[in-house]
């Protein structure tokens, strides 16, 4: 199972409490205080691991809590600190601080919302002062202003004292909102103040804002560490509070609470080149032919269900990484189909290879496919439309391909087009040579 986004809860360990103790030893009268300090709580630390490729482990255990510190003891013994909790994440993981999931309200809860109908209220009307009034549905809840807040069915609540008070408050609010046009001067700088502050703020490496919460950190380098939650400090024992005037203190402090929070982890695969194309265009076959990746390939059309990353080796000990982005469809930027589940992985690729089926096996037009895919990338993120891209005309071993290849060259005269056959290997050497020139690098 491939998991590339998950919400977790993490809590650092609490600090141990300080100890209140007095020395008790033979032949040592008035030994004085000897209460030790509590140990520090453990941290929750995220570590980027090159052997981890997705967030599957967090799916089974979404709640994490580090060990708390041990309480202090007598004889000035400091409690042992809690062990740090290490969580391994793959490179390209973005962390957001989010809010906890709200439990679904149940009937009987105060915040339970239900669409009541006339049938639900049947038999619960009473006659009061010649009018039909609803009875209080929630038994046991007493309101100090029951006489004023009762719901009147026939719409005469405005004639009550409570209704007149509400009307007066609304009129006062409207009057306070009125501003004379002649006496009002608007300062344009006030409206631009927020924009200026955002421009002067810290950059986040072009990480887009997420609907899941506040951006925390972007973990990209192997071995990179980040303390997600800090453990609480240990409490002080009464030995720390001794003075010349207070030689037998009974004061001590409890350990501090460790920080905690709900976090949203989002994985964006890191690759130099991204293969983009509609389903059944031959992306998986191409990735298998040029790299060490082994995605599923079959003789029938299907859609890959998870991104695959392979390493392409070039002469001279050069290499690059290529990601097979599963088939996109029109409207993916609006989360149609698998939508954002795959588009997030495109944002880290520096070069795009638009793989099209020039044999029109699925009765698709390669030119239209490229236009649709380019549009989807720009609508998802405007910056993606400005990156380098190449056209890979696949399946040229079939007879129908020559006509579509000529059409692509006529429609995109300034764009590099590589006619290939991922099945037979035709044209792959020229494509790999060009990739080596663009993104080839020596491993660090």
Protein backbone atom coordinates (compact mmCIF):
# COMPACT_ATOMS: atom_id res chain seq x y z
CA UNK A 1 0.00 0.00 0.00
CA UNK A 2 1.37 3.38 -1.03
CA UNK A 3 0.53 6.25 1.36
CA UNK A 4 1.70 9.76 0.49
CA UNK A 5 -0.37 11.88 2.90
CA UNK A 6 -1.49 11.17 6.45
CA UNK A 7 -2.51 12.98 9.61
CA UNK A 8 -0.79 12.02 12.86
CA UNK A 9 -0.74 13.04 16.51
CA UNK A 10 2.58 13.46 18.31
CA UNK A 11 3.35 14.28 21.93
CA UNK A 12 6.71 14.75 23.56
CA UNK A 13 7.40 13.26 26.99
CA UNK A 14 6.59 15.21 30.14
CA UNK A 15 9.38 16.12 32.51
CA UNK A 16 9.73 14.21 35.75
CA UNK A 17 8.71 15.88 39.01
CA UNK A 18 11.26 17.17 41.48
CA UNK A 19 11.62 15.32 44.76
CA UNK A 20 11.13 16.62 48.28
CA UNK A 21 13.41 14.61 50.55
CA UNK A 22 15.62 15.09 53.62
CA UNK A 23 18.83 13.32 54.34
CA UNK A 24 18.40 10.51 56.83
CA UNK A 25 21.70 8.96 57.82
CA UNK A 26 23.22 7.67 61.03
CA UNK A 27 25.44 10.08 62.92
CA UNK A 28 24.45 12.94 60.57
CA UNK A 29 21.96 15.08 62.46
CA UNK A 30 20.14 17.77 60.53
CA UNK A 31 21.25 16.40 57.18
CA UNK A 32 19.20 18.94 55.29
CA UNK A 33 17.32 18.65 52.00
CA UNK A 34 18.54 16.20 49.38
CA UNK A 35 15.63 15.95 46.90
CA UNK A 36 16.86 15.44 43.32
CA UNK A 37 15.58 16.90 40.06
CA UNK A 38 13.27 15.18 37.63
CA UNK A 39 14.48 13.93 34.25
CA UNK A 40 13.73 15.68 30.97
CA UNK A 41 11.03 14.26 28.70
CA UNK A 42 11.94 12.72 25.36
CA UNK A 43 11.57 14.56 22.06
CA UNK A 44 9.68 13.45 18.96
CA UNK A 45 12.17 13.75 16.09
CA UNK A 46 11.59 13.33 12.36
CA UNK A 47 14.54 11.85 10.46
CA UNK A 48 14.79 11.62 6.67
CA UNK A 49 15.61 8.02 5.77
CA UNK A 50 16.73 7.07 2.26
CA UNK A 51 15.36 3.54 2.73
CA UNK A 52 11.81 4.82 3.34
CA UNK A 53 9.76 5.54 0.22
CA UNK A 54 6.31 6.40 1.59
CA UNK A 55 4.31 7.09 4.76
CA UNK A 56 2.78 3.63 5.11
CA UNK A 57 4.03 3.10 8.68
CA UNK A 58 2.08 6.11 9.92
CA UNK A 59 -1.14 4.64 8.54
CA UNK A 60 -1.16 1.80 11.07
CA UNK A 61 0.02 3.82 14.09
CA UNK A 62 -1.02 7.47 13.74
CA UNK A 63 -0.50 8.35 17.43
CA UNK A 64 2.98 8.78 18.89
CA UNK A 65 4.13 9.64 22.39
CA UNK A 66 7.72 9.93 23.60
CA UNK A 67 8.85 8.59 26.98
CA UNK A 68 8.45 10.86 29.96
CA UNK A 69 11.26 11.73 32.37
CA UNK A 70 11.68 9.81 35.63
CA UNK A 71 10.89 11.61 38.88
CA UNK A 72 13.74 12.77 41.07
CA UNK A 73 14.71 10.80 44.18
CA UNK A 74 16.39 11.33 47.51
CA UNK A 75 20.13 11.61 47.99
CA UNK A 76 20.09 14.22 45.21
CA UNK A 77 19.43 11.60 42.55
CA UNK A 78 18.32 13.11 39.23
CA UNK A 79 15.70 11.13 37.35
CA UNK A 80 16.61 9.53 34.06
CA UNK A 81 15.63 11.47 30.95
CA UNK A 82 13.02 10.02 28.61
CA UNK A 83 14.17 8.41 25.37
CA UNK A 84 13.65 10.34 22.17
CA UNK A 85 11.12 8.94 19.73
CA UNK A 86 12.55 8.74 16.19
CA UNK A 87 10.09 8.78 13.27
CA UNK A 88 11.53 7.98 9.84
CA UNK A 89 10.11 9.80 6.83
CA UNK A 90 11.07 9.65 3.14
CA UNK A 91 12.84 12.53 1.37
CA UNK A 92 10.40 15.15 0.13
CA UNK A 93 8.07 15.10 3.14
CA UNK A 94 6.32 18.37 3.99
CA UNK A 95 4.94 18.82 7.50
CA UNK A 96 1.95 21.02 8.33
CA UNK A 97 0.44 21.83 11.71
CA UNK A 98 -3.23 21.05 11.53
CA UNK A 99 -6.30 20.69 13.73
CA UNK A 100 -7.64 17.46 15.23
CA UNK A 101 -10.50 15.65 13.62
CA UNK A 102 -13.81 16.60 15.18
CA UNK A 103 -15.79 13.61 16.45
CA UNK A 104 -19.10 13.14 14.75
CA UNK A 105 -21.86 14.43 17.06
CA UNK A 106 -24.39 11.93 18.28
CA UNK A 107 -28.07 12.41 19.04
CA UNK A 108 -28.38 13.86 22.51
CA UNK A 109 -25.24 16.01 22.30
CA UNK A 110 -25.63 19.74 22.77
CA UNK A 111 -23.97 20.52 19.40
CA UNK A 112 -25.93 17.88 17.50
CA UNK A 113 -27.63 19.44 14.50
CA UNK A 114 -30.69 17.75 13.11
CA UNK A 115 -33.25 18.86 10.58
CA UNK A 116 -36.43 18.77 12.61
CA UNK A 117 -39.73 18.46 10.84
CA UNK A 118 -43.29 19.14 11.98
CA UNK A 119 -43.63 15.42 12.69
CA UNK A 120 -40.73 15.55 15.16
CA UNK A 121 -42.52 18.23 17.16
CA UNK A 122 -45.92 16.56 17.09
CA UNK A 123 -47.67 16.57 20.46
CA UNK A 124 -45.14 18.95 22.02
CA UNK A 125 -47.10 22.18 21.72
CA UNK A 126 -48.76 23.76 24.73
CA UNK A 127 -51.25 26.57 24.89
CA UNK A 128 -50.04 29.59 26.83
CA UNK A 129 -51.86 32.94 27.03
CA UNK A 130 -53.96 32.08 24.00
CA UNK A 131 -50.98 31.10 21.83
CA UNK A 132 -49.39 27.79 20.83
CA UNK A 133 -45.81 27.61 22.21
CA UNK A 134 -43.21 24.88 21.69
CA UNK A 135 -42.12 22.97 24.74
CA UNK A 136 -38.41 22.75 25.62
CA UNK A 137 -37.16 19.66 23.74
CA UNK A 138 -33.96 19.31 25.80
CA UNK A 139 -35.01 18.13 29.24
CA UNK A 140 -32.85 19.13 32.16
CA UNK A 141 -31.55 22.32 30.50
CA UNK A 142 -32.78 25.35 32.39
CA UNK A 143 -32.62 28.81 30.92
CA UNK A 144 -32.69 31.86 33.12
CA UNK A 145 -34.71 33.69 30.50
CA UNK A 146 -37.18 30.96 29.64
CA UNK A 147 -40.07 33.42 29.65
CA UNK A 148 -38.25 35.60 27.11
CA UNK A 149 -36.62 32.98 24.86
CA UNK A 150 -39.56 30.67 24.22
CA UNK A 151 -40.21 30.11 20.52
CA UNK A 152 -43.60 31.44 19.56
CA UNK A 153 -45.12 29.58 16.64
CA UNK A 154 -47.46 32.31 15.41
CA UNK A 155 -44.63 34.87 14.95
CA UNK A 156 -45.52 37.28 17.80
CA UNK A 157 -42.12 37.16 19.47
CA UNK A 158 -41.44 40.70 18.25
CA UNK A 159 -44.14 41.99 20.60
CA UNK A 160 -42.41 40.58 23.63
CA UNK A 161 -39.92 42.48 25.76
CA UNK A 162 -37.12 40.22 24.53
CA UNK A 163 -38.00 40.96 20.89
CA UNK A 164 -37.96 44.71 21.46
CA UNK A 165 -34.49 44.49 23.06
CA UNK A 166 -33.15 42.58 20.04
CA UNK A 167 -34.61 45.15 17.64
CA UNK A 168 -33.03 48.00 19.61
CA UNK A 169 -29.60 46.33 19.54
CA UNK A 170 -29.80 45.78 15.76
CA UNK A 171 -30.76 49.43 15.16
CA UNK A 172 -27.83 50.62 17.29
CA UNK A 173 -25.42 48.37 15.38
CA UNK A 174 -26.61 49.72 12.01
CA UNK A 175 -26.27 53.30 13.21
CA UNK A 176 -22.69 52.71 14.40
CA UNK A 177 -21.76 51.30 10.95
CA UNK A 178 -22.87 54.46 9.14
CA UNK A 179 -19.98 56.70 8.06
CA UNK A 180 -20.30 60.09 6.39
CA UNK A 181 -18.51 60.15 3.01
CA UNK A 182 -17.28 63.75 3.35
CA UNK A 183 -15.43 63.20 6.62
CA UNK A 184 -13.84 59.85 5.73
CA UNK A 185 -10.28 59.69 4.40
CA UNK A 186 -8.90 56.31 3.36
CA UNK A 187 -5.18 55.65 3.57
CA UNK A 188 -4.04 53.31 0.81
CA UNK A 189 -1.03 52.28 2.87
CA UNK A 190 -3.34 50.67 5.41
CA UNK A 191 -4.70 48.29 2.77
CA UNK A 192 -1.22 47.46 1.47
CA UNK A 193 0.20 46.85 4.93
CA UNK A 194 -0.60 43.14 4.97
CA UNK A 195 0.89 42.67 1.51
CA UNK A 196 4.12 44.42 2.50
CA UNK A 197 4.45 42.27 5.58
CA UNK A 198 4.03 39.11 3.56
CA UNK A 199 6.71 40.21 1.12
CA UNK A 200 9.17 40.90 3.93
CA UNK A 201 8.44 37.59 5.65
CA UNK A 202 10.52 34.46 5.51
CA UNK A 203 10.52 32.37 2.38
CA UNK A 204 9.43 28.76 2.50
CA UNK A 205 11.22 27.46 -0.62
CA UNK A 206 8.16 28.07 -2.80
CA UNK A 207 6.08 25.58 -0.82
CA UNK A 208 2.44 26.45 -1.59
CA UNK A 209 -0.03 27.12 1.15
CA UNK A 210 -2.02 24.07 2.09
CA UNK A 211 -5.61 23.71 3.11
CA UNK A 212 -4.44 21.33 5.82
CA UNK A 213 -2.82 23.93 8.09
CA UNK A 214 0.29 25.95 8.84
CA UNK A 215 3.55 25.04 7.11
CA UNK A 216 6.17 23.68 9.52
CA UNK A 217 9.14 22.20 7.62
CA UNK A 218 10.13 20.71 4.28
CA UNK A 219 12.38 17.65 4.71
CA UNK A 220 14.36 17.00 1.55
CA UNK A 221 17.92 16.00 2.47
CA UNK A 222 18.80 12.45 3.54
CA UNK A 223 19.78 12.44 7.22
CA UNK A 224 18.02 15.73 7.93
CA UNK A 225 16.49 15.91 11.41
CA UNK A 226 13.71 18.05 12.82
CA UNK A 227 12.40 18.15 16.38
CA UNK A 228 8.66 17.96 15.93
CA UNK A 229 7.77 18.10 19.65
CA UNK A 230 10.12 19.11 22.47
CA UNK A 231 10.13 17.24 25.74
CA UNK A 232 9.30 19.01 28.98
CA UNK A 233 12.02 20.06 31.40
CA UNK A 234 12.34 18.18 34.66
CA UNK A 235 11.15 19.69 37.91
CA UNK A 236 13.48 20.97 40.63
CA UNK A 237 13.95 19.10 43.89
CA UNK A 238 13.90 20.81 47.28
CA UNK A 239 17.70 20.70 47.37
CA UNK A 240 17.67 23.65 44.92
CA UNK A 241 15.60 25.83 47.27
CA UNK A 242 17.91 25.75 50.33
CA UNK A 243 19.05 29.14 51.64
CA UNK A 244 20.71 30.49 54.77
CA UNK A 245 17.33 31.40 56.19
CA UNK A 246 15.42 28.39 54.87
CA UNK A 247 17.54 25.35 55.59
CA UNK A 248 14.69 22.86 55.44
CA UNK A 249 12.65 23.83 52.34
CA UNK A 250 9.68 21.78 51.37
CA UNK A 251 9.31 23.43 47.97
CA UNK A 252 9.72 21.48 44.75
CA UNK A 253 8.44 21.96 41.20
CA UNK A 254 6.60 19.51 38.95
CA UNK A 255 7.94 18.63 35.53
CA UNK A 256 6.89 20.67 32.52
CA UNK A 257 4.50 19.24 29.98
CA UNK A 258 5.92 18.16 26.64
CA UNK A 259 4.62 19.88 23.54
CA UNK A 260 2.06 18.11 21.42
CA UNK A 261 0.05 18.66 18.28
CA UNK A 262 -1.70 17.24 15.26
CA UNK A 263 0.35 17.23 12.08
CA UNK A 264 -0.34 16.55 8.43
CA UNK A 265 2.46 14.82 6.50
CA UNK A 266 2.51 15.18 2.73
CA UNK A 267 5.00 13.35 0.52
CA UNK A 268 6.17 14.91 -2.72
CA UNK A 269 8.50 12.57 -4.54
CA UNK A 270 11.89 14.08 -5.38
CA UNK A 271 13.00 13.41 -8.95
CA UNK A 272 14.90 15.27 -11.65
CA UNK A 273 12.55 14.26 -14.47
CA UNK A 274 8.81 13.66 -14.40
CA UNK A 275 6.99 11.48 -16.94
CA UNK A 276 3.60 13.04 -17.64
CA UNK A 277 0.94 11.55 -19.88
CA UNK A 278 -2.52 10.10 -20.15
CA UNK A 279 -3.18 6.50 -19.11
CA UNK A 280 -1.80 3.83 -21.45
CA UNK A 281 0.68 6.25 -23.07
CA UNK A 282 3.61 3.96 -22.20
CA UNK A 283 5.17 5.81 -19.25
CA UNK A 284 5.73 2.69 -17.16
CA UNK A 285 7.26 0.85 -20.11
CA UNK A 286 9.58 3.79 -20.77
CA UNK A 287 10.65 3.97 -17.13
CA UNK A 288 11.44 0.25 -17.16
CA UNK A 289 13.49 0.61 -20.36
CA UNK A 290 15.72 3.49 -19.20
CA UNK A 291 16.05 2.92 -15.44
CA UNK A 292 16.25 0.26 -12.76
CA UNK A 293 12.60 0.67 -11.75
CA UNK A 294 10.18 -2.23 -12.18
CA UNK A 295 6.65 -0.83 -12.40
CA UNK A 296 3.77 -3.04 -13.44
CA UNK A 297 3.52 -3.42 -17.23
CA UNK A 298 0.86 -5.43 -19.06
CA UNK A 299 -0.60 -5.93 -22.53
CA UNK A 300 -3.91 -4.35 -21.54
CA UNK A 301 -4.71 -0.73 -20.63
CA UNK A 302 -4.69 0.20 -16.94
CA UNK A 303 -3.74 3.13 -14.72
CA UNK A 304 -0.74 3.03 -12.38
CA UNK A 305 -1.92 3.59 -8.83
CA UNK A 306 1.26 4.99 -7.27
CA UNK A 307 4.26 7.04 -8.42
CA UNK A 308 7.41 5.11 -9.26
CA UNK A 309 10.93 6.54 -9.13
CA UNK A 310 13.86 5.04 -11.03
CA UNK A 311 17.54 5.91 -11.40
CA UNK A 312 18.95 6.35 -14.92
CA UNK A 313 22.70 5.75 -15.26
CA UNK A 314 24.72 7.64 -17.87
CA UNK A 315 28.34 7.22 -19.05
CA UNK A 316 30.97 8.86 -16.89
CA UNK A 317 29.31 7.86 -13.60
CA UNK A 318 26.49 10.36 -14.17
CA UNK A 319 22.91 9.67 -13.19
CA UNK A 320 19.46 11.21 -12.67
CA UNK A 321 16.17 10.19 -11.13
CA UNK A 322 12.97 9.82 -13.16
CA UNK A 323 9.46 9.66 -11.67
CA UNK A 324 6.51 8.02 -13.37
CA UNK A 325 3.57 10.27 -12.45
CA UNK A 326 0.41 8.14 -12.76
CA UNK A 327 -1.97 8.99 -15.57
CA UNK A 328 -3.62 12.37 -15.34
CA UNK A 329 -6.97 13.26 -16.88
CA UNK A 330 -8.65 16.50 -17.83
CA UNK A 331 -9.79 18.39 -14.72
CA UNK A 332 -7.10 16.90 -12.48
CA UNK A 333 -6.29 20.37 -11.08
CA UNK A 334 -9.82 20.39 -9.62
CA UNK A 335 -9.15 16.99 -8.03
CA UNK A 336 -11.07 15.14 -10.74
CA UNK A 337 -10.13 11.48 -10.87
CA UNK A 338 -7.02 10.88 -8.79
CA UNK A 339 -6.24 14.60 -9.16
CA UNK A 340 -4.16 16.07 -6.37
CA UNK A 341 -3.04 12.63 -5.20
CA UNK A 342 -0.58 12.62 -8.12
CA UNK A 343 -0.17 16.28 -9.04
CA UNK A 344 1.65 16.95 -5.78
CA UNK A 345 4.53 14.76 -6.93
CA UNK A 346 5.10 16.87 -10.06
CA UNK A 347 6.04 20.03 -8.16
CA UNK A 348 9.61 18.86 -7.42
CA UNK A 349 10.57 17.78 -10.98
CA UNK A 350 12.82 20.18 -12.88
CA UNK A 351 12.11 18.71 -16.35
CA UNK A 352 8.90 17.23 -17.74
CA UNK A 353 8.70 14.53 -20.41
CA UNK A 354 5.27 14.57 -22.03
CA UNK A 355 4.77 11.00 -23.19
CA UNK A 356 2.11 10.64 -25.92
CA UNK A 357 0.80 7.67 -27.86
CA UNK A 358 1.55 8.43 -31.52
CA UNK A 359 -0.19 5.26 -32.66
CA UNK A 360 -3.56 6.46 -31.30
CA UNK A 361 -4.27 3.04 -29.80
CA UNK A 362 -6.98 4.57 -27.59
CA UNK A 363 -8.22 6.89 -30.36
CA UNK A 364 -6.57 9.92 -28.70
CA UNK A 365 -4.99 12.87 -30.47
CA UNK A 366 -1.38 13.43 -29.28
CA UNK A 367 -1.52 17.18 -29.95
CA UNK A 368 -4.70 17.57 -27.93
CA UNK A 369 -3.24 15.44 -25.14
CA UNK A 370 -0.20 17.70 -24.79
CA UNK A 371 -2.35 20.83 -24.74
CA UNK A 372 -4.62 19.39 -22.07
CA UNK A 373 -1.71 18.21 -19.90
CA UNK A 374 0.09 21.55 -20.18
CA UNK A 375 -3.12 23.31 -19.19
CA UNK A 376 -3.65 21.08 -16.17
CA UNK A 377 -0.13 21.77 -14.90
CA UNK A 378 -0.53 25.53 -15.23
CA UNK A 379 -3.92 25.52 -13.51
CA UNK A 380 -2.51 23.48 -10.63
CA UNK A 381 0.57 25.69 -10.27
CA UNK A 382 1.43 28.54 -12.64
CA UNK A 383 5.14 28.02 -12.05
CA UNK A 384 5.01 24.48 -13.47
CA UNK A 385 4.20 25.84 -16.92
CA UNK A 386 7.54 27.68 -17.04
CA UNK A 387 9.78 24.65 -16.52
CA UNK A 388 11.67 22.84 -19.28
CA UNK A 389 9.77 20.15 -21.10
CA UNK A 390 10.31 17.67 -23.92
CA UNK A 391 7.93 15.64 -26.06
CA UNK A 392 8.39 11.88 -26.18
CA UNK A 393 6.49 10.40 -29.13
CA UNK A 394 6.07 6.79 -28.05
CA UNK A 395 4.98 3.67 -29.97
CA UNK A 396 6.69 4.69 -33.23
CA UNK A 397 7.11 1.01 -34.09
CA UNK A 398 3.47 0.93 -35.22
CA UNK A 399 2.44 1.96 -38.73
CA UNK A 400 0.06 4.74 -37.67
CA UNK A 401 2.75 6.64 -35.76
CA UNK A 402 4.48 8.43 -38.69
CA UNK A 403 1.50 10.65 -39.43
CA UNK A 404 1.13 11.81 -35.82
CA UNK A 405 4.87 12.40 -35.41
CA UNK A 406 4.83 14.74 -38.43
CA UNK A 407 1.79 16.51 -36.98
CA UNK A 408 3.61 17.04 -33.67
CA UNK A 409 6.64 18.50 -35.42
CA UNK A 410 4.39 20.87 -37.38
CA UNK A 411 2.41 21.93 -34.30
CA UNK A 412 5.44 22.34 -31.98
CA UNK A 413 8.28 23.43 -34.30
CA UNK A 414 10.39 24.96 -31.50
CA UNK A 415 10.02 22.05 -29.12
CA UNK A 416 12.35 19.05 -28.94
CA UNK A 417 10.57 15.87 -29.97
CA UNK A 418 12.05 12.39 -29.45
CA UNK A 419 10.36 9.63 -31.47
CA UNK A 420 10.91 6.40 -29.53
CA UNK A 421 9.59 2.94 -29.03
CA UNK A 422 9.79 1.97 -25.39
CA UNK A 423 8.87 -1.58 -26.36
CA UNK A 424 11.74 -2.14 -28.83
CA UNK A 425 14.24 0.40 -27.47
CA UNK A 426 14.33 2.53 -30.64
CA UNK A 427 15.37 6.15 -29.96
CA UNK A 428 16.15 5.63 -26.27
CA UNK A 429 19.86 6.38 -26.64
CA UNK A 430 19.18 9.85 -28.03
CA UNK A 431 16.69 10.55 -25.24
CA UNK A 432 19.10 9.43 -22.51
CA UNK A 433 21.89 11.54 -24.00
CA UNK A 434 19.70 14.64 -23.90
CA UNK A 435 18.64 13.92 -20.31
CA UNK A 436 22.27 13.56 -19.30
CA UNK A 437 22.99 17.03 -20.73
CA UNK A 438 20.03 18.57 -18.90
CA UNK A 439 19.97 16.93 -15.45
CA UNK A 440 22.84 14.44 -15.31
CA UNK A 441 24.96 14.72 -12.16
CA UNK A 442 27.42 12.73 -10.13
CA UNK A 443 26.05 11.13 -6.97
CA UNK A 444 27.18 12.85 -3.79
